[in-house]
């Protein structure tokens, strides 16, 4: 467990850090509340914040609020407030400002360890819920909602000069697979396609049915198309089995770039246009639509 301690007293920091590190935790200590806020924003491995309320330059209650806002709905972050003020009002204010738990100073080791065990259970549950909300139940890749949020975050991470290519991939004549071999075999095909795509594409999502989205950060469309061709060939040579029958499938790909400042939907429309060209030109191929071709 990765814990950040925030307290103006170096003595308190050292005492708590020694106890937590002896219990196998990874610990960082801070005296200034603005520094811990910056650190937590940049370091997503932090699981627990153990914070005093008597802080500068950001007061403890405000820090709790900022940390909770920073974590949002998708990042598990457990905030435990430490205070010598044991009034019900102090506890209520801390919880209202985003804290998850409250311990009284001086902090007793046994109580702290028990609360951290409870925190670990909560964090584990939150991670499972986030994963379920973001993952396609069949394939284990991102679902549509998670793909869109992941792409927005990735675009913000990249410089304006760096490319970000998107691809729409569709299993050719998938209905015939279901009609011939049944939906169970169809699910096997979809799962295998997702796995093969994930071996080459950094970001893979199932948008629904037999349609997938891929993304290639820092690659231009022509470079992304090369890796889509690798995926296409691997899928085309993969042998599926149903009872004593064997069969193969193919996929079509449409690639486009996502330029800085335009909506993601615009780039996906270009990719969809390229996908339609691939379908029209015989399927089992990769097509690219340049950014100069505007989506309608």
Protein backbone atom coordinates (compact mmCIF):
# COMPACT_ATOMS: atom_id res chain seq x y z
CA UNK A 1 0.00 0.00 0.00
CA UNK A 2 1.32 3.44 -0.96
CA UNK A 3 0.63 6.04 1.74
CA UNK A 4 1.28 9.78 1.79
CA UNK A 5 1.57 11.37 5.24
CA UNK A 6 0.84 15.09 5.56
CA UNK A 7 1.67 16.72 8.90
CA UNK A 8 3.54 19.89 9.92
CA UNK A 9 5.54 17.94 12.51
CA UNK A 10 8.58 16.08 11.27
CA UNK A 11 8.50 14.02 14.47
CA UNK A 12 4.96 12.82 13.72
CA UNK A 13 5.96 12.08 10.12
CA UNK A 14 8.97 10.01 11.13
CA UNK A 15 7.09 8.06 13.83
CA UNK A 16 4.19 7.15 11.55
CA UNK A 17 6.46 6.42 8.58
CA UNK A 18 8.58 4.03 10.65
CA UNK A 19 5.50 2.11 11.82
CA UNK A 20 3.97 1.93 8.36
CA UNK A 21 7.19 0.93 6.61
CA UNK A 22 7.70 -1.81 9.21
CA UNK A 23 4.25 -3.09 8.20
CA UNK A 24 5.31 -3.25 4.54
CA UNK A 25 3.85 0.04 3.30
CA UNK A 26 5.56 2.45 0.92
CA UNK A 27 5.48 5.90 2.53
CA UNK A 28 6.06 9.50 1.42
CA UNK A 29 6.02 12.37 3.90
CA UNK A 30 5.06 16.02 3.38
CA UNK A 31 4.83 19.11 5.55
CA UNK A 32 3.23 21.42 2.98
CA UNK A 33 -0.26 20.61 1.76
CA UNK A 34 0.23 22.10 -1.71
CA UNK A 35 3.17 19.78 -2.33
CA UNK A 36 1.24 16.63 -1.42
CA UNK A 37 -1.59 17.73 -3.71
CA UNK A 38 0.84 18.07 -6.60
CA UNK A 39 2.42 14.73 -5.75
CA UNK A 40 -0.86 12.84 -5.62
CA UNK A 41 -1.93 14.34 -8.93
CA UNK A 42 1.30 13.16 -10.57
CA UNK A 43 1.56 9.80 -8.76
CA UNK A 44 -1.43 7.55 -9.31
CA UNK A 45 0.02 4.76 -7.16
CA UNK A 46 -0.88 6.61 -3.94
CA UNK A 47 -3.65 4.65 -2.20
CA UNK A 48 -4.07 6.45 1.13
CA UNK A 49 -3.64 10.00 2.38
CA UNK A 50 -3.00 10.28 6.13
CA UNK A 51 -3.42 13.98 6.79
CA UNK A 52 -3.53 16.44 9.64
CA UNK A 53 -6.07 19.26 9.58
CA UNK A 54 -3.56 21.86 10.76
CA UNK A 55 -1.81 22.51 7.46
CA UNK A 56 -0.44 25.31 5.29
CA UNK A 57 -0.78 26.79 2.73
CA UNK A 58 -3.95 24.78 1.99
CA UNK A 59 -5.98 24.14 5.17
CA UNK A 60 -6.65 20.49 5.97
CA UNK A 61 -10.37 20.50 5.20
CA UNK A 62 -9.78 22.24 1.89
CA UNK A 63 -7.05 19.72 1.08
CA UNK A 64 -9.52 16.88 1.65
CA UNK A 65 -11.94 18.51 -0.76
CA UNK A 66 -9.28 19.08 -3.42
CA UNK A 67 -8.00 15.53 -3.10
CA UNK A 68 -11.49 14.10 -3.44
CA UNK A 69 -12.12 16.25 -6.51
CA UNK A 70 -8.79 15.18 -7.96
CA UNK A 71 -9.56 11.50 -7.48
CA UNK A 72 -12.96 11.76 -9.12
CA UNK A 73 -15.06 8.66 -9.71
CA UNK A 74 -12.45 6.40 -11.26
CA UNK A 75 -9.45 6.66 -8.92
CA UNK A 76 -9.62 4.86 -5.57
CA UNK A 77 -8.12 7.18 -2.93
CA UNK A 78 -8.73 6.74 0.79
CA UNK A 79 -8.35 9.86 2.96
CA UNK A 80 -7.81 9.45 6.71
CA UNK A 81 -7.83 12.62 8.80
CA UNK A 82 -5.72 12.93 11.96
CA UNK A 83 -6.79 15.46 14.58
CA UNK A 84 -6.71 16.01 18.34
CA UNK A 85 -10.15 17.62 18.04
CA UNK A 86 -12.59 14.83 18.86
CA UNK A 87 -15.81 16.82 18.62
CA UNK A 88 -18.65 15.50 16.50
CA UNK A 89 -18.58 18.72 14.50
CA UNK A 90 -14.91 18.23 13.56
CA UNK A 91 -15.62 14.68 12.44
CA UNK A 92 -18.68 15.75 10.45
CA UNK A 93 -16.77 18.56 8.72
CA UNK A 94 -13.95 16.21 7.74
CA UNK A 95 -16.33 13.63 6.30
CA UNK A 96 -18.35 16.30 4.49
CA UNK A 97 -15.15 17.61 2.90
CA UNK A 98 -14.27 14.24 1.41
CA UNK A 99 -12.46 12.32 4.15
CA UNK A 100 -13.21 8.61 4.48
CA UNK A 101 -12.06 8.08 8.06
CA UNK A 102 -10.87 9.87 11.19
CA UNK A 103 -8.24 9.00 13.82
CA UNK A 104 -7.44 10.86 17.00
CA UNK A 105 -3.98 12.27 17.71
CA UNK A 106 -1.71 10.93 19.04
CA UNK A 107 -2.35 8.10 16.62
CA UNK A 108 -2.19 4.63 18.16
CA UNK A 109 -0.51 2.00 16.04
CA UNK A 110 -3.12 -0.73 16.55
CA UNK A 111 -5.99 1.57 15.62
CA UNK A 112 -4.16 2.93 12.59
CA UNK A 113 -3.36 -0.55 11.26
CA UNK A 114 -6.98 -1.63 11.69
CA UNK A 115 -8.19 1.42 9.78
CA UNK A 116 -5.65 0.78 7.02
CA UNK A 117 -6.86 -2.80 6.68
CA UNK A 118 -10.37 -1.44 6.29
CA UNK A 119 -9.07 1.09 3.77
CA UNK A 120 -7.41 -1.69 1.78
CA UNK A 121 -10.70 -3.59 1.59
CA UNK A 122 -12.49 -0.47 0.35
CA UNK A 123 -9.79 0.33 -2.21
CA UNK A 124 -9.86 -3.23 -3.55
CA UNK A 125 -13.64 -3.08 -3.91
CA UNK A 126 -13.49 0.32 -5.61
CA UNK A 127 -10.91 -0.92 -8.10
CA UNK A 128 -13.08 -3.91 -8.93
CA UNK A 129 -16.09 -1.67 -9.48
CA UNK A 130 -14.10 0.72 -11.67
CA UNK A 131 -12.76 -2.19 -13.72
CA UNK A 132 -16.26 -3.59 -14.18
CA UNK A 133 -17.55 -0.18 -15.25
CA UNK A 134 -14.75 0.34 -17.79
CA UNK A 135 -14.23 -3.17 -19.16
CA UNK A 136 -16.16 -5.06 -21.80
CA UNK A 137 -17.58 -8.09 -20.02
CA UNK A 138 -16.78 -10.54 -22.84
CA UNK A 139 -13.33 -9.58 -24.06
CA UNK A 140 -11.74 -7.75 -21.13
CA UNK A 141 -10.79 -4.76 -23.30
CA UNK A 142 -12.13 -1.24 -22.75
CA UNK A 143 -15.80 -0.57 -23.32
CA UNK A 144 -17.09 2.39 -25.33
CA UNK A 145 -17.33 4.77 -22.38
CA UNK A 146 -13.84 3.95 -21.12
CA UNK A 147 -12.39 4.29 -24.62
CA UNK A 148 -13.75 7.80 -25.01
CA UNK A 149 -12.44 8.95 -21.62
CA UNK A 150 -9.09 7.23 -22.17
CA UNK A 151 -8.68 8.93 -25.53
CA UNK A 152 -9.46 12.37 -24.12
CA UNK A 153 -6.87 11.83 -21.39
CA UNK A 154 -4.29 10.56 -23.88
CA UNK A 155 -4.81 13.55 -26.19
CA UNK A 156 -4.15 15.90 -23.24
CA UNK A 157 -0.92 14.05 -22.44
CA UNK A 158 0.51 14.46 -25.93
CA UNK A 159 2.14 17.55 -27.37
CA UNK A 160 0.43 19.39 -30.20
CA UNK A 161 3.10 18.11 -32.58
CA UNK A 162 2.53 14.45 -31.66
CA UNK A 163 0.16 12.33 -33.71
CA UNK A 164 -2.66 10.22 -32.35
CA UNK A 165 -4.24 7.79 -34.81
CA UNK A 166 -7.56 6.06 -34.33
CA UNK A 167 -8.94 3.00 -36.08
CA UNK A 168 -12.32 1.35 -36.39
CA UNK A 169 -12.16 -2.41 -36.95
CA UNK A 170 -15.06 -4.64 -37.91
CA UNK A 171 -15.29 -8.44 -38.23
CA UNK A 172 -16.32 -9.24 -41.78
CA UNK A 173 -19.61 -11.11 -42.26
CA UNK A 174 -19.84 -11.85 -38.57
CA UNK A 175 -23.55 -12.64 -38.80
CA UNK A 176 -22.76 -15.72 -40.83
CA UNK A 177 -20.51 -16.99 -38.04
CA UNK A 178 -23.36 -16.75 -35.55
CA UNK A 179 -25.83 -18.25 -38.00
CA UNK A 180 -23.55 -21.16 -38.89
CA UNK A 181 -21.85 -22.01 -35.61
CA UNK A 182 -23.96 -20.34 -32.92
CA UNK A 183 -23.49 -17.40 -30.59
CA UNK A 184 -21.13 -19.27 -28.25
CA UNK A 185 -18.65 -19.71 -31.08
CA UNK A 186 -19.29 -16.11 -32.10
CA UNK A 187 -18.23 -15.04 -28.62
CA UNK A 188 -15.04 -17.07 -28.99
CA UNK A 189 -14.31 -15.27 -32.26
CA UNK A 190 -14.90 -11.82 -30.74
CA UNK A 191 -12.67 -12.65 -27.77
CA UNK A 192 -9.87 -13.93 -30.00
CA UNK A 193 -10.03 -10.85 -32.23
CA UNK A 194 -9.74 -8.59 -29.17
CA UNK A 195 -6.75 -10.57 -27.90
CA UNK A 196 -4.92 -10.49 -31.23
CA UNK A 197 -5.57 -6.76 -31.64
CA UNK A 198 -4.26 -6.14 -28.13
CA UNK A 199 -0.93 -7.74 -29.00
CA UNK A 200 -0.11 -4.83 -31.32
CA UNK A 201 -2.41 -1.91 -30.50
CA UNK A 202 -1.73 0.07 -27.28
CA UNK A 203 -5.44 0.88 -26.81
CA UNK A 204 -8.23 -1.53 -27.75
CA UNK A 205 -11.95 -1.16 -27.08
CA UNK A 206 -15.05 -3.06 -28.05
CA UNK A 207 -17.67 -0.58 -29.14
CA UNK A 208 -20.40 -3.16 -29.44
CA UNK A 209 -21.15 -6.38 -31.29
CA UNK A 210 -18.31 -7.13 -33.70
CA UNK A 211 -17.01 -3.54 -33.87
CA UNK A 212 -13.78 -2.46 -32.21
CA UNK A 213 -11.81 0.76 -31.83
CA UNK A 214 -8.01 0.90 -31.74
CA UNK A 215 -5.71 3.80 -30.96
CA UNK A 216 -2.02 4.39 -31.64
CA UNK A 217 -0.58 7.32 -29.66
CA UNK A 218 2.35 9.20 -31.31
CA UNK A 219 1.89 7.29 -34.58
CA UNK A 220 0.83 8.96 -37.83
CA UNK A 221 -2.02 7.27 -39.72
CA UNK A 222 0.34 5.56 -42.17
CA UNK A 223 2.37 4.12 -39.28
CA UNK A 224 -0.79 3.02 -37.48
CA UNK A 225 -2.01 1.41 -40.70
CA UNK A 226 1.13 -0.72 -40.74
CA UNK A 227 0.29 -2.19 -37.33
CA UNK A 228 -3.33 -2.61 -38.35
CA UNK A 229 -2.04 -4.64 -41.30
CA UNK A 230 -0.08 -6.83 -38.87
CA UNK A 231 -3.27 -7.36 -36.86
CA UNK A 232 -5.31 -8.00 -40.01
CA UNK A 233 -2.89 -10.67 -41.21
CA UNK A 234 -2.77 -12.38 -37.80
CA UNK A 235 -6.56 -12.54 -37.64
CA UNK A 236 -6.84 -13.79 -41.23
CA UNK A 237 -4.49 -16.71 -40.54
CA UNK A 238 -6.03 -17.67 -37.19
CA UNK A 239 -7.89 -20.98 -37.27
CA UNK A 240 -11.11 -21.36 -35.31
CA UNK A 241 -12.77 -24.64 -34.46
CA UNK A 242 -16.37 -25.64 -33.89
CA UNK A 243 -16.80 -29.33 -33.24
CA UNK A 244 -15.04 -31.07 -36.12
CA UNK A 245 -15.23 -28.00 -38.36
CA UNK A 246 -12.50 -25.39 -38.74
CA UNK A 247 -12.97 -21.95 -40.20
CA UNK A 248 -11.38 -18.55 -40.47
CA UNK A 249 -12.54 -14.96 -40.39
CA UNK A 250 -11.26 -11.60 -41.62
CA UNK A 251 -11.51 -8.01 -40.45
CA UNK A 252 -11.66 -4.64 -42.17
CA UNK A 253 -9.94 -1.52 -40.83
CA UNK A 254 -10.41 2.22 -41.22
CA UNK A 255 -7.65 4.52 -39.95
CA UNK A 256 -7.59 8.28 -39.42
CA UNK A 257 -5.62 10.79 -37.37
CA UNK A 258 -7.06 12.80 -34.51
CA UNK A 259 -5.70 16.31 -34.70
CA UNK A 260 -5.39 18.57 -31.70
CA UNK A 261 -8.39 20.84 -31.15
CA UNK A 262 -11.02 18.81 -32.97
CA UNK A 263 -13.66 16.59 -31.33
CA UNK A 264 -12.81 12.90 -31.13
CA UNK A 265 -16.08 12.21 -32.94
CA UNK A 266 -14.75 13.99 -36.01
CA UNK A 267 -11.71 11.70 -36.18
CA UNK A 268 -13.90 8.63 -35.63
CA UNK A 269 -16.12 9.72 -38.53
CA UNK A 270 -13.06 9.81 -40.77
CA UNK A 271 -12.05 6.36 -39.52
CA UNK A 272 -15.58 5.11 -40.18
CA UNK A 273 -15.42 6.52 -43.68
CA UNK A 274 -12.17 4.64 -44.28
CA UNK A 275 -13.77 1.48 -42.86
CA UNK A 276 -16.64 1.77 -45.33
CA UNK A 277 -14.10 2.09 -48.15
CA UNK A 278 -12.40 -1.09 -46.93
CA UNK A 279 -15.75 -2.89 -46.92
CA UNK A 280 -16.62 -1.61 -50.38
CA UNK A 281 -13.24 -2.60 -51.81
CA UNK A 282 -13.63 -6.25 -50.82
CA UNK A 283 -13.13 -6.40 -47.03
CA UNK A 284 -10.09 -7.89 -45.25
CA UNK A 285 -8.07 -4.73 -45.83
CA UNK A 286 -6.81 -1.53 -44.19
CA UNK A 287 -7.80 1.89 -45.52
CA UNK A 288 -6.67 5.34 -44.38
CA UNK A 289 -8.58 8.62 -44.55
CA UNK A 290 -6.30 11.69 -44.27
CA UNK A 291 -7.26 14.60 -42.00
CA UNK A 292 -7.74 16.82 -45.02
CA UNK A 293 -10.91 14.88 -45.78
CA UNK A 294 -13.46 16.51 -43.53
CA UNK A 295 -16.16 14.43 -41.87
CA UNK A 296 -19.68 15.40 -42.77
